[in-house]
Amino acid sequence: MKTLVMLLLANLALPLVLLAQKPVSVTLTKPGSQTIKFDPKQKIPTLNLPCKLTNGKDRPFACEFSFDRLEFIGNDGSVLATVKPVIGQPKPTILPFDKAKKSAPSGKAGPITYTAKAYFTRRNNPSFPVTKGYQIRSCLVMACLQSDNISTLISGIQMPAKLLEKAVVTFDMTWTYGKKEGMMIGPHELYIENDVTTTKFAFNAQNTMRDKSEAWIDIQPFISGDPSPAN
């Protein structure tokens, strides 16, 4: 009788002992499959996810960066406008005339310049090491083709190597301002390119610059507050 009582007490105490134990690694076994062990202290590796080409297929080289935003800075240091990547037509970016870094004399058409800050985050390691560095290029139209007019705004840029590390690149952007309804002729799409990876894409007049770049953004700038009459 004494032995039976001791066995009953032991069975009651066993669940309490299990509850008091600290969390341990879990092993799951699926019939007909291999055993998978999960260690709670093990970090999940970063996935190297490809980005898409404009035709919907995976880009052959994973995009290095995300283009987080573009800021326009006034001649007094204030942030005039912030542009973020969107799908489709971007909203107008209104830039005050009197905050330009440089502009043509009031009442005359000519160049107008603003300082810009581009914000990036590294998402993947480079497929090819750069030679001279990264470059930011621009096009006069959106959905720009390789056959369109492309300009290099800044080159030889050194970008961060660590994943998820952020970078800010400052440069000037100039448009030809016609002083009519605030319309501007100049950059409407920006790209950051690895100066080696970009050469791995064969030139094709129908291929977009977006496919060659590591990240891109669209902008639709307009001037406001011009004191001169339209011409």
Protein backbone atom coordinates (compact mmCIF):
# COMPACT_ATOMS: atom_id res chain seq x y z
CA MET A 1 0.00 0.00 0.00
CA LYS A 2 2.83 2.38 0.85
CA THR A 3 4.50 1.67 -2.49
CA LEU A 4 1.26 2.51 -4.40
CA VAL A 5 0.91 5.85 -2.60
CA MET A 6 4.50 6.78 -3.47
CA LEU A 7 3.92 5.99 -7.15
CA LEU A 8 0.80 8.17 -7.22
CA LEU A 9 2.67 11.08 -5.63
CA ALA A 10 5.51 10.72 -8.14
CA ASN A 11 3.09 10.87 -11.09
CA LEU A 12 1.47 14.05 -9.70
CA ALA A 13 4.82 15.76 -9.16
CA LEU A 14 6.16 15.04 -12.68
CA PRO A 15 4.07 17.72 -14.53
CA LEU A 16 5.11 20.33 -11.94
CA VAL A 17 8.78 19.53 -12.56
CA LEU A 18 8.29 19.92 -16.33
CA LEU A 19 6.52 23.25 -15.87
CA ALA A 20 9.38 24.54 -13.75
CA GLN A 21 11.99 23.80 -16.43
CA LYS A 22 13.37 26.60 -18.63
CA PRO A 23 12.49 26.70 -22.39
CA VAL A 24 14.63 24.33 -24.43
CA SER A 25 15.28 23.72 -28.11
CA VAL A 26 12.38 22.01 -29.83
CA THR A 27 12.65 19.03 -32.14
CA LEU A 28 9.87 18.31 -34.62
CA THR A 29 9.70 15.01 -36.42
CA LYS A 30 7.38 14.53 -39.36
CA PRO A 31 6.62 10.93 -40.38
CA GLY A 32 8.44 10.06 -43.57
CA SER A 33 10.61 13.16 -43.33
CA GLN A 34 13.81 14.28 -41.68
CA THR A 35 13.97 15.62 -38.14
CA ILE A 36 14.14 19.45 -37.96
CA LYS A 37 15.69 21.11 -34.92
CA PHE A 38 14.84 24.69 -33.94
CA ASP A 39 17.29 26.52 -31.72
CA PRO A 40 15.66 29.60 -30.11
CA LYS A 41 19.07 31.32 -29.93
CA GLN A 42 19.85 30.87 -33.63
CA LYS A 43 19.43 33.97 -35.81
CA ILE A 44 17.42 33.75 -39.01
CA PRO A 45 19.73 34.51 -41.99
CA THR A 46 19.04 37.50 -44.22
CA LEU A 47 17.28 36.48 -47.43
CA ASN A 48 18.75 37.66 -50.71
CA LEU A 49 15.51 38.54 -52.46
CA PRO A 50 15.65 39.60 -56.12
CA CYS A 51 13.87 42.69 -57.37
CA LYS A 52 11.73 42.76 -60.48
CA LEU A 53 12.39 44.04 -63.96
CA THR A 54 9.78 46.19 -65.64
CA ASN A 55 8.56 43.09 -67.51
CA GLY A 56 7.78 41.36 -64.20
CA LYS A 57 10.70 38.91 -64.30
CA ASP A 58 13.37 38.70 -61.61
CA ARG A 59 16.33 41.01 -62.15
CA PRO A 60 19.43 38.86 -62.82
CA PHE A 61 21.25 40.71 -60.03
CA ALA A 62 19.54 41.50 -56.73
CA CYS A 63 19.02 45.26 -56.24
CA GLU A 64 21.57 46.65 -53.80
CA PHE A 65 19.49 49.53 -52.39
CA SER A 66 16.07 50.92 -51.72
CA PHE A 67 15.56 54.58 -52.64
CA ASP A 68 13.85 55.67 -49.44
CA ARG A 69 13.15 59.32 -50.23
CA LEU A 70 14.40 62.47 -51.91
CA GLU A 71 14.42 65.83 -50.13
CA PHE A 72 14.74 69.27 -51.69
CA ILE A 73 16.60 71.80 -49.53
CA GLY A 74 16.05 75.56 -49.73
CA ASN A 75 18.73 78.24 -49.75
CA ASP A 76 17.92 78.79 -46.05
CA GLY A 77 18.51 75.12 -45.17
CA SER A 78 14.82 74.26 -44.81
CA VAL A 79 13.25 71.12 -46.32
CA LEU A 80 11.05 72.35 -49.17
CA ALA A 81 9.56 69.03 -50.24
CA THR A 82 9.95 65.27 -49.74
CA VAL A 83 9.41 62.71 -52.50
CA LYS A 84 8.94 58.98 -51.86
CA PRO A 85 8.78 56.13 -54.39
CA VAL A 86 5.28 55.42 -55.69
CA ILE A 87 3.71 53.11 -58.22
CA GLY A 88 2.34 55.10 -61.12
CA GLN A 89 2.29 58.88 -61.58
CA PRO A 90 3.97 60.78 -58.72
CA LYS A 91 2.29 63.75 -57.10
CA PRO A 92 3.57 67.23 -58.05
CA THR A 93 6.55 68.43 -56.04
CA ILE A 94 6.11 72.16 -55.41
CA LEU A 95 9.37 74.14 -55.07
CA PRO A 96 9.23 77.84 -54.04
CA PHE A 97 10.95 80.15 -56.51
CA ASP A 98 12.62 82.28 -53.83
CA LYS A 99 14.16 79.21 -52.13
CA ALA A 100 16.19 78.11 -55.16
CA LYS A 101 19.96 77.87 -54.81
CA LYS A 102 20.33 79.66 -58.16
CA SER A 103 17.85 80.93 -60.74
CA ALA A 104 17.59 83.10 -63.83
CA PRO A 105 16.73 86.77 -63.24
CA SER A 106 13.10 87.41 -62.46
CA GLY A 107 11.04 87.73 -65.62
CA LYS A 108 13.34 85.63 -67.80
CA ALA A 109 13.39 81.94 -68.65
CA GLY A 110 16.52 80.00 -67.74
CA PRO A 111 18.11 77.47 -65.39
CA ILE A 112 16.95 77.04 -61.81
CA THR A 113 18.85 74.93 -59.28
CA TYR A 114 17.92 73.26 -55.99
CA THR A 115 19.97 71.17 -53.58
CA ALA A 116 18.72 67.59 -53.16
CA LYS A 117 19.36 64.89 -50.56
CA ALA A 118 18.84 61.26 -51.59
CA TYR A 119 18.31 58.67 -48.83
CA PHE A 120 19.19 55.01 -49.44
CA THR A 121 19.25 51.73 -47.46
CA ARG A 122 21.44 48.80 -48.48
CA ARG A 123 19.26 45.73 -49.05
CA ASN A 124 21.67 43.28 -50.72
CA ASN A 125 25.38 42.82 -51.22
CA PRO A 126 26.75 44.00 -54.58
CA SER A 127 26.82 41.42 -57.36
CA PHE A 128 30.04 43.05 -58.64
CA PRO A 129 32.51 45.30 -56.80
CA VAL A 130 32.47 48.88 -58.08
CA THR A 131 35.50 50.28 -59.92
CA LYS A 132 35.28 54.04 -59.33
CA GLY A 133 32.12 54.01 -57.22
CA TYR A 134 28.37 54.42 -57.53
CA GLN A 135 26.74 57.10 -59.65
CA ILE A 136 23.44 58.96 -59.61
CA ARG A 137 22.00 59.58 -63.06
CA SER A 138 18.88 61.32 -64.32
CA CYS A 139 16.52 61.33 -67.28
CA LEU A 140 14.22 63.99 -68.72
CA VAL A 141 11.24 61.63 -68.79
CA MET A 142 9.69 58.93 -66.59
CA ALA A 143 9.92 55.23 -67.55
CA CYS A 144 13.11 56.30 -69.31
CA LEU A 145 14.61 54.07 -72.01
CA GLN A 146 18.33 53.54 -72.59
CA SER A 147 17.94 55.46 -75.84
CA ASP A 148 16.65 58.58 -74.05
CA ASN A 149 18.75 61.52 -72.89
CA ILE A 150 20.62 60.37 -69.75
CA SER A 151 22.77 62.65 -67.57
CA THR A 152 25.18 61.82 -64.74
CA LEU A 153 24.59 64.11 -61.75
CA ILE A 154 27.30 62.72 -59.48
CA SER A 155 29.77 59.82 -59.71
CA GLY A 156 32.47 58.11 -57.63
CA ILE A 157 30.09 57.75 -54.67
CA GLN A 158 31.19 55.46 -51.82
CA MET A 159 28.20 53.61 -50.36
CA PRO A 160 27.91 51.59 -47.09
CA ALA A 161 28.80 47.90 -47.25
CA LYS A 162 26.73 46.57 -44.32
CA LEU A 163 23.20 45.32 -44.92
CA LEU A 164 20.46 47.69 -43.70
CA GLU A 165 22.99 50.51 -43.31
CA LYS A 166 21.69 53.88 -44.54
CA ALA A 167 23.31 56.57 -46.65
CA VAL A 168 22.54 60.18 -47.62
CA VAL A 169 23.93 61.66 -50.83
CA THR A 170 23.73 65.44 -51.41
CA PHE A 171 23.91 67.02 -54.88
CA ASP A 172 22.42 69.81 -57.00
CA MET A 173 19.62 69.41 -59.54
CA THR A 174 19.03 71.93 -62.33
CA TRP A 175 16.04 72.40 -64.61
CA THR A 176 15.28 74.80 -67.44
CA TYR A 177 12.38 76.85 -66.17
CA GLY A 178 10.05 78.35 -68.77
CA LYS A 179 8.03 80.48 -66.32
CA LYS A 180 4.75 79.16 -67.69
CA GLU A 181 2.49 77.26 -65.27
CA GLY A 182 5.57 76.29 -63.28
CA MET A 183 6.66 73.69 -65.83
CA MET A 184 10.30 72.57 -65.70
CA ILE A 185 12.43 70.80 -68.30
CA GLY A 186 15.03 68.60 -66.67
CA PRO A 187 15.36 65.54 -64.41
CA HIS A 188 12.14 63.61 -63.83
CA GLU A 189 13.63 60.23 -62.87
CA LEU A 190 16.70 59.45 -60.78
CA TYR A 191 18.75 56.24 -60.54
CA ILE A 192 21.66 54.96 -58.47
CA GLU A 193 23.92 52.61 -60.39
CA ASN A 194 26.84 50.34 -59.57
CA ASP A 195 29.36 51.39 -62.25
CA VAL A 196 30.19 47.72 -62.98
CA THR A 197 26.79 46.01 -62.60
CA THR A 198 25.23 48.52 -65.00
CA THR A 199 27.65 47.36 -67.74
CA LYS A 200 26.38 43.78 -67.43
CA PHE A 201 23.12 44.79 -69.10
CA ALA A 202 23.42 44.74 -72.89
CA PHE A 203 22.40 48.03 -74.51
CA ASN A 204 18.91 47.86 -75.92
CA ALA A 205 17.01 50.94 -76.99
CA GLN A 206 13.78 49.46 -75.61
CA ASN A 207 15.14 48.50 -72.19
CA THR A 208 14.42 50.89 -69.32
CA MET A 209 16.99 52.59 -67.14
CA ARG A 210 15.07 51.29 -64.13
CA ASP A 211 16.20 47.75 -64.97
CA LYS A 212 19.89 48.75 -65.00
CA SER A 213 19.76 50.71 -61.76
CA GLU A 214 20.04 49.49 -58.18
CA ALA A 215 17.16 51.80 -57.17
CA TRP A 216 15.17 54.64 -58.75
CA ILE A 217 12.59 57.32 -58.01
CA ASP A 218 10.24 59.56 -60.04
CA ILE A 219 9.72 63.27 -59.46
CA GLN A 220 7.30 65.83 -60.93
CA PRO A 221 8.64 69.29 -59.96
CA PHE A 222 6.76 72.58 -60.30
CA ILE A 223 7.77 76.11 -59.35
CA SER A 224 5.54 78.26 -57.15
CA GLY A 225 5.68 81.92 -56.15
CA ASP A 226 7.46 83.24 -59.24
CA PRO A 227 7.17 87.05 -58.95
CA SER A 228 7.60 87.57 -62.68
CA PRO A 229 4.82 87.38 -65.31
CA ALA A 230 4.59 84.25 -67.40
CA ASN A 231 6.12 84.45 -70.87
